[in-house]
Amino acid sequence: MKLLLRRDQRSGLMGKMIFTLDVRADLSADEKERIRKYKLQDTELYASHEVTPGSGLLGVASRLAFKAVTLTLTVKDLEGGKRIEVKDVVELLAIEGHIRQAAQTFKEVLDAASHFGGEEVVEL
């Protein structure tokens, strides 16, 4: 798996800068097969905020509103590519760091999945 990242910037409506990060994974045929075999497409790799559950109708409404502003990245997003837009370059770099780490962990998951039902020799 290769993680493809592209940073860019543009001016917003009010002249403020908007920073973008395009994220996509270049997956091998074997990796794509493991994703399908183990149904990992909807696995969440990154979320900008955790939703705290509320109660009753107000809790449902608050979770729906919060979900609209929460940035998430799933395996499906990595396969198809996703654009992330933020107003602060520091936030963009922090998100990029989290995504790099999550992608590395997911690569390790895919590698481990290739050894299920088989044997792996680890040289020490």
C-alpha atoms as a PDB file:
ATOM      1  CA  MET A   1       0.000   0.000   0.000  1.00  0.00           C
ATOM      2  CA  LYS A   2       1.155   3.468  -0.832  1.00  0.00           C
ATOM      3  CA  LEU A   3      -0.422   6.536   0.744  1.00  0.00           C
ATOM      4  CA  LEU A   4      -0.789   9.401  -1.732  1.00  0.00           C
ATOM      5  CA  LEU A   5      -1.076  12.875  -0.196  1.00  0.00           C
ATOM      6  CA  ARG A   6      -1.456  16.195  -1.970  1.00  0.00           C
ATOM      7  CA  ARG A   7      -1.593  19.542  -0.181  1.00  0.00           C
ATOM      8  CA  ASP A   8      -3.008  22.651  -1.801  1.00  0.00           C
ATOM      9  CA  GLN A   9      -4.537  26.007  -0.906  1.00  0.00           C
ATOM     10  CA  ARG A  10      -7.076  28.397  -2.338  1.00  0.00           C
ATOM     11  CA  SER A  11      -8.798  31.633  -1.403  1.00  0.00           C
ATOM     12  CA  GLY A  12     -12.240  31.389   0.146  1.00  0.00           C
ATOM     13  CA  LEU A  13     -15.183  33.703  -0.492  1.00  0.00           C
ATOM     14  CA  MET A  14     -14.037  36.260   2.070  1.00  0.00           C
ATOM     15  CA  GLY A  15     -10.386  36.126   0.992  1.00  0.00           C
ATOM     16  CA  LYS A  16      -9.296  33.764   3.765  1.00  0.00           C
ATOM     17  CA  MET A  17      -7.120  30.830   2.812  1.00  0.00           C
ATOM     18  CA  ILE A  18      -8.582  27.335   2.680  1.00  0.00           C
ATOM     19  CA  PHE A  19      -6.058  24.518   2.923  1.00  0.00           C
ATOM     20  CA  THR A  20      -6.804  21.188   1.261  1.00  0.00           C
ATOM     21  CA  LEU A  21      -5.398  17.710   1.631  1.00  0.00           C
ATOM     22  CA  ASP A  22      -6.235  15.040  -0.926  1.00  0.00           C
ATOM     23  CA  VAL A  23      -5.754  11.550   0.490  1.00  0.00           C
ATOM     24  CA  ARG A  24      -5.819   8.275  -1.428  1.00  0.00           C
ATOM     25  CA  ALA A  25      -4.251   4.857  -1.056  1.00  0.00           C
ATOM     26  CA  ASP A  26      -2.716   2.931  -3.920  1.00  0.00           C
ATOM     27  CA  LEU A  27      -3.650  -0.637  -3.010  1.00  0.00           C
ATOM     28  CA  SER A  28      -2.415  -3.878  -4.540  1.00  0.00           C
ATOM     29  CA  ALA A  29      -4.907  -6.472  -5.783  1.00  0.00           C
ATOM     30  CA  ASP A  30      -4.097  -8.654  -2.741  1.00  0.00           C
ATOM     31  CA  GLU A  31      -4.771  -5.782  -0.340  1.00  0.00           C
ATOM     32  CA  LYS A  32      -8.093  -4.997  -2.045  1.00  0.00           C
ATOM     33  CA  GLU A  33      -9.060  -8.658  -1.763  1.00  0.00           C
ATOM     34  CA  ARG A  34      -8.263  -8.726   1.984  1.00  0.00           C
ATOM     35  CA  ILE A  35     -10.350  -5.578   2.486  1.00  0.00           C
ATOM     36  CA  ARG A  36     -13.314  -7.267   0.808  1.00  0.00           C
ATOM     37  CA  LYS A  37     -12.757 -10.665   2.455  1.00  0.00           C
ATOM     38  CA  TYR A  38     -12.716  -9.194   5.966  1.00  0.00           C
ATOM     39  CA  LYS A  39     -15.340  -6.504   5.176  1.00  0.00           C
ATOM     40  CA  LEU A  40     -13.091  -3.614   6.193  1.00  0.00           C
ATOM     41  CA  GLN A  41     -14.520  -0.976   3.800  1.00  0.00           C
ATOM     42  CA  ASP A  42     -16.443   0.881   6.510  1.00  0.00           C
ATOM     43  CA  THR A  43     -13.670   0.685   9.099  1.00  0.00           C
ATOM     44  CA  GLU A  44     -13.058   4.169  10.480  1.00  0.00           C
ATOM     45  CA  LEU A  45      -9.383   5.080  10.365  1.00  0.00           C
ATOM     46  CA  TYR A  46      -9.642   8.662  11.597  1.00  0.00           C
ATOM     47  CA  ALA A  47     -12.247  10.893  13.231  1.00  0.00           C
ATOM     48  CA  SER A  48     -11.575  14.497  14.162  1.00  0.00           C
ATOM     49  CA  HIS A  49     -13.847  14.366  17.219  1.00  0.00           C
ATOM     50  CA  GLU A  50     -15.600  11.710  19.230  1.00  0.00           C
ATOM     51  CA  VAL A  51     -19.360  12.045  19.592  1.00  0.00           C
ATOM     52  CA  THR A  52     -20.583  11.904  23.159  1.00  0.00           C
ATOM     53  CA  PRO A  53     -24.041  10.378  23.329  1.00  0.00           C
ATOM     54  CA  GLY A  54     -26.877  12.547  24.541  1.00  0.00           C
ATOM     55  CA  SER A  55     -30.275  11.377  25.656  1.00  0.00           C
ATOM     56  CA  GLY A  56     -33.683  11.619  24.074  1.00  0.00           C
ATOM     57  CA  LEU A  57     -34.594  13.673  21.039  1.00  0.00           C
ATOM     58  CA  LEU A  58     -32.107  16.415  21.893  1.00  0.00           C
ATOM     59  CA  GLY A  59     -29.316  13.839  22.012  1.00  0.00           C
ATOM     60  CA  VAL A  60     -30.243  12.525  18.561  1.00  0.00           C
ATOM     61  CA  ALA A  61     -30.345  16.062  17.137  1.00  0.00           C
ATOM     62  CA  SER A  62     -27.000  16.977  18.696  1.00  0.00           C
ATOM     63  CA  ARG A  63     -25.352  13.797  17.357  1.00  0.00           C
ATOM     64  CA  LEU A  64     -26.671  14.505  13.852  1.00  0.00           C
ATOM     65  CA  ALA A  65     -25.427  18.106  13.951  1.00  0.00           C
ATOM     66  CA  PHE A  66     -22.065  17.015  15.347  1.00  0.00           C
ATOM     67  CA  LYS A  67     -21.697  14.324  12.683  1.00  0.00           C
ATOM     68  CA  ALA A  68     -22.121  17.004   9.996  1.00  0.00           C
ATOM     69  CA  VAL A  69     -18.994  18.832  11.227  1.00  0.00           C
ATOM     70  CA  THR A  70     -16.911  15.789  12.211  1.00  0.00           C
ATOM     71  CA  LEU A  71     -14.234  14.763   9.757  1.00  0.00           C
ATOM     72  CA  THR A  72     -13.943  11.012   9.293  1.00  0.00           C
ATOM     73  CA  LEU A  73     -11.796   8.844   7.058  1.00  0.00           C
ATOM     74  CA  THR A  74     -12.743   5.246   6.307  1.00  0.00           C
ATOM     75  CA  VAL A  75     -11.031   2.503   4.327  1.00  0.00           C
ATOM     76  CA  LYS A  76     -13.547   3.173   1.548  1.00  0.00           C
ATOM     77  CA  ASP A  77     -12.430   6.831   1.527  1.00  0.00           C
ATOM     78  CA  LEU A  78      -8.801   5.731   1.205  1.00  0.00           C
ATOM     79  CA  GLU A  79      -9.654   3.492  -1.732  1.00  0.00           C
ATOM     80  CA  GLY A  80     -11.617   6.150  -3.609  1.00  0.00           C
ATOM     81  CA  GLY A  81      -9.795   9.229  -2.371  1.00  0.00           C
ATOM     82  CA  LYS A  82     -11.032  12.017  -0.133  1.00  0.00           C
ATOM     83  CA  ARG A  83     -10.505  15.772  -0.007  1.00  0.00           C
ATOM     84  CA  ILE A  84     -10.173  17.434   3.372  1.00  0.00           C
ATOM     85  CA  GLU A  85     -10.559  21.206   3.671  1.00  0.00           C
ATOM     86  CA  VAL A  86      -9.626  23.264   6.720  1.00  0.00           C
ATOM     87  CA  LYS A  87      -9.018  26.935   7.471  1.00  0.00           C
ATOM     88  CA  ASP A  88      -5.766  26.504   9.370  1.00  0.00           C
ATOM     89  CA  VAL A  89      -2.470  25.067   8.115  1.00  0.00           C
ATOM     90  CA  VAL A  90      -1.546  23.794  11.587  1.00  0.00           C
ATOM     91  CA  GLU A  91      -4.795  21.813  11.718  1.00  0.00           C
ATOM     92  CA  LEU A  92      -4.097  20.453   8.235  1.00  0.00           C
ATOM     93  CA  LEU A  93      -0.656  19.219   9.258  1.00  0.00           C
ATOM     94  CA  ALA A  94      -2.032  17.655  12.449  1.00  0.00           C
ATOM     95  CA  ILE A  95      -4.730  15.827  10.467  1.00  0.00           C
ATOM     96  CA  GLU A  96      -2.127  14.670   7.948  1.00  0.00           C
ATOM     97  CA  GLY A  97      -0.004  13.249  10.762  1.00  0.00           C
ATOM     98  CA  HIS A  98      -2.954  11.333  12.203  1.00  0.00           C
ATOM     99  CA  ILE A  99      -3.858   9.978   8.771  1.00  0.00           C
ATOM    100  CA  ARG A 100      -0.274   8.847   8.119  1.00  0.00           C
ATOM    101  CA  GLN A 101      -0.248   7.002  11.439  1.00  0.00           C
ATOM    102  CA  ALA A 102      -3.685   5.445  10.847  1.00  0.00           C
ATOM    103  CA  ALA A 103      -2.679   4.321   7.346  1.00  0.00           C
ATOM    104  CA  GLN A 104       0.487   2.712   8.716  1.00  0.00           C
ATOM    105  CA  THR A 105      -1.537   0.845  11.338  1.00  0.00           C
ATOM    106  CA  PHE A 106      -4.046  -0.254   8.696  1.00  0.00           C
ATOM    107  CA  LYS A 107      -1.178  -1.525   6.509  1.00  0.00           C
ATOM    108  CA  GLU A 108      -0.055  -3.647   9.474  1.00  0.00           C
ATOM    109  CA  VAL A 109      -3.618  -4.999   9.810  1.00  0.00           C
ATOM    110  CA  LEU A 110      -3.668  -5.951   6.129  1.00  0.00           C
ATOM    111  CA  ASP A 111      -0.265  -7.622   6.440  1.00  0.00           C
ATOM    112  CA  ALA A 112      -1.436  -9.595   9.477  1.00  0.00           C
ATOM    113  CA  ALA A 113      -4.591 -10.620   7.615  1.00  0.00           C
ATOM    114  CA  SER A 114      -2.462 -12.196   4.902  1.00  0.00           C
ATOM    115  CA  HIS A 115      -1.139 -14.695   7.478  1.00  0.00           C
ATOM    116  CA  PHE A 116      -4.468 -15.893   8.885  1.00  0.00           C
ATOM    117  CA  GLY A 117      -4.833 -19.605   8.286  1.00  0.00           C
ATOM    118  CA  GLY A 118      -1.126 -19.903   7.569  1.00  0.00           C
ATOM    119  CA  GLU A 119       2.217 -19.645   9.182  1.00  0.00           C
ATOM    120  CA  GLU A 120       4.596 -16.746   9.510  1.00  0.00           C
ATOM    121  CA  VAL A 121       8.278 -17.128  10.258  1.00  0.00           C
ATOM    122  CA  VAL A 122       9.790 -14.244  12.197  1.00  0.00           C
ATOM    123  CA  GLU A 123      13.555 -14.048  12.236  1.00  0.00           C
ATOM    124  CA  LEU A 124      14.895 -12.660  15.517  1.00  0.00           C
END
